[in-house]
Amino acid sequence: EELKGLLKKLRATSMEDRIHDLRLRPDRADVIVPAAIVLHKIVQQAGVDEVVIPGIGLKDGVLLELLSQLRDREK
C-alpha cells in the first residue's frame, strides 16, 4: 500500500517538481514514474510485503567493488 501511495504521488508531481523537491537529476526524474510502475507490478506479482532498495546505483556499486578489489591487491 505504501508503494501504491508513493506511485500516486509521483504521478501527480511534475517533472520539474521531482527534480526540485526530490532532488532528482533530470535523467532520473523522467524515468522514476515508469520505474515505480514496474516495481509496483513486480511486487504485486511476487506477493511480497517488503522491498529493500539500495541507496546507491549499479554504477556506484560496481565502482566500489573495483576499488575494493584494487585495495585487496595492494595488501
C-alpha atoms as a PDB file:
ATOM      1  CA  GLU A   1       0.000   0.000   0.000  1.00  0.00           C
ATOM      2  CA  GLU A   2       2.840   2.394   0.747  1.00  0.00           C
ATOM      3  CA  LEU A   3       4.301   1.848  -2.717  1.00  0.00           C
ATOM      4  CA  LYS A   4       0.873   2.381  -4.275  1.00  0.00           C
ATOM      5  CA  GLY A   5       0.550   5.711  -2.434  1.00  0.00           C
ATOM      6  CA  LEU A   6       4.037   6.761  -3.475  1.00  0.00           C
ATOM      7  CA  LEU A   7       3.258   5.930  -7.089  1.00  0.00           C
ATOM      8  CA  LYS A   8       0.080   8.007  -6.929  1.00  0.00           C
ATOM      9  CA  LYS A   9       2.040  10.981  -5.554  1.00  0.00           C
ATOM     10  CA  LEU A  10       4.782  10.604  -8.167  1.00  0.00           C
ATOM     11  CA  ARG A  11       2.225  10.536 -10.978  1.00  0.00           C
ATOM     12  CA  ALA A  12       0.696  13.772  -9.666  1.00  0.00           C
ATOM     13  CA  THR A  13       4.073  15.532  -9.469  1.00  0.00           C
ATOM     14  CA  SER A  14       5.536  17.415 -12.421  1.00  0.00           C
ATOM     15  CA  MET A  15       8.994  16.567 -13.669  1.00  0.00           C
ATOM     16  CA  GLU A  16      10.233  19.973 -12.517  1.00  0.00           C
ATOM     17  CA  ASP A  17       8.908  19.306  -9.010  1.00  0.00           C
ATOM     18  CA  ARG A  18      10.532  15.869  -8.975  1.00  0.00           C
ATOM     19  CA  ILE A  19      13.849  17.489  -9.860  1.00  0.00           C
ATOM     20  CA  HIS A  20      13.491  20.236  -7.267  1.00  0.00           C
ATOM     21  CA  ASP A  21      11.583  18.592  -4.403  1.00  0.00           C
ATOM     22  CA  LEU A  22      13.057  15.099  -4.652  1.00  0.00           C
ATOM     23  CA  ARG A  23      16.475  16.357  -5.773  1.00  0.00           C
ATOM     24  CA  LEU A  24      16.498  14.022  -8.748  1.00  0.00           C
ATOM     25  CA  ARG A  25      18.690  14.512 -11.762  1.00  0.00           C
ATOM     26  CA  PRO A  26      16.687  15.298 -14.911  1.00  0.00           C
ATOM     27  CA  ASP A  27      17.624  11.941 -16.446  1.00  0.00           C
ATOM     28  CA  ARG A  28      16.183  10.223 -13.360  1.00  0.00           C
ATOM     29  CA  ALA A  29      13.137  12.437 -12.879  1.00  0.00           C
ATOM     30  CA  ASP A  30      11.682  11.398 -16.226  1.00  0.00           C
ATOM     31  CA  VAL A  31      12.017   7.653 -15.610  1.00  0.00           C
ATOM     32  CA  ILE A  32      11.051   7.378 -11.940  1.00  0.00           C
ATOM     33  CA  VAL A  33       7.316   7.065 -12.656  1.00  0.00           C
ATOM     34  CA  PRO A  34       7.670   4.221 -15.198  1.00  0.00           C
ATOM     35  CA  ALA A  35      10.220   2.553 -12.900  1.00  0.00           C
ATOM     36  CA  ALA A  36       7.821   2.814  -9.955  1.00  0.00           C
ATOM     37  CA  ILE A  37       5.041   1.303 -12.075  1.00  0.00           C
ATOM     38  CA  VAL A  38       7.265  -1.645 -12.991  1.00  0.00           C
ATOM     39  CA  LEU A  39       8.345  -2.087  -9.364  1.00  0.00           C
ATOM     40  CA  HIS A  40       4.722  -1.975  -8.202  1.00  0.00           C
ATOM     41  CA  LYS A  41       3.721  -4.662 -10.723  1.00  0.00           C
ATOM     42  CA  ILE A  42       6.650  -6.877  -9.691  1.00  0.00           C
ATOM     43  CA  VAL A  43       5.762  -6.512  -6.010  1.00  0.00           C
ATOM     44  CA  GLN A  44       2.130  -7.391  -6.773  1.00  0.00           C
ATOM     45  CA  GLN A  45       3.051 -10.444  -8.858  1.00  0.00           C
ATOM     46  CA  ALA A  46       5.641 -11.659  -6.346  1.00  0.00           C
ATOM     47  CA  GLY A  47       3.261 -11.183  -3.440  1.00  0.00           C
ATOM     48  CA  VAL A  48       5.943  -9.688  -1.217  1.00  0.00           C
ATOM     49  CA  ASP A  49       5.306  -7.346   1.695  1.00  0.00           C
ATOM     50  CA  GLU A  50       8.615  -5.515   1.668  1.00  0.00           C
ATOM     51  CA  VAL A  51      11.199  -4.375  -0.871  1.00  0.00           C
ATOM     52  CA  VAL A  52      14.701  -3.225   0.044  1.00  0.00           C
ATOM     53  CA  ILE A  53      16.172  -0.704  -2.364  1.00  0.00           C
ATOM     54  CA  PRO A  54      19.894   0.079  -2.107  1.00  0.00           C
ATOM     55  CA  GLY A  55      20.962   3.649  -1.553  1.00  0.00           C
ATOM     56  CA  ILE A  56      23.444   3.516  -4.406  1.00  0.00           C
ATOM     57  CA  GLY A  57      23.113   2.856  -8.100  1.00  0.00           C
ATOM     58  CA  LEU A  58      24.573  -0.051 -10.029  1.00  0.00           C
ATOM     59  CA  LYS A  59      27.369   2.103 -11.405  1.00  0.00           C
ATOM     60  CA  ASP A  60      28.338   3.224  -7.902  1.00  0.00           C
ATOM     61  CA  GLY A  61      28.267  -0.334  -6.618  1.00  0.00           C
ATOM     62  CA  VAL A  62      30.494  -1.572  -9.440  1.00  0.00           C
ATOM     63  CA  LEU A  63      32.985   1.233  -8.811  1.00  0.00           C
ATOM     64  CA  LEU A  64      33.063   0.469  -5.084  1.00  0.00           C
ATOM     65  CA  GLU A  65      33.643  -3.213  -5.805  1.00  0.00           C
ATOM     66  CA  LEU A  66      36.508  -2.437  -8.208  1.00  0.00           C
ATOM     67  CA  LEU A  67      38.075  -0.112  -5.658  1.00  0.00           C
ATOM     68  CA  SER A  68      37.807  -2.813  -3.010  1.00  0.00           C
ATOM     69  CA  GLN A  69      39.489  -5.341  -5.320  1.00  0.00           C
ATOM     70  CA  LEU A  70      42.315  -2.908  -6.068  1.00  0.00           C
ATOM     71  CA  ARG A  71      42.873  -2.316  -2.362  1.00  0.00           C
ATOM     72  CA  ASP A  72      42.971  -6.068  -1.735  1.00  0.00           C
ATOM     73  CA  ARG A  73      45.642  -6.479  -4.424  1.00  0.00           C
ATOM     74  CA  GLU A  74      47.803  -3.800  -2.831  1.00  0.00           C
ATOM     75  CA  LYS A  75      47.876  -5.620   0.523  1.00  0.00           C
END
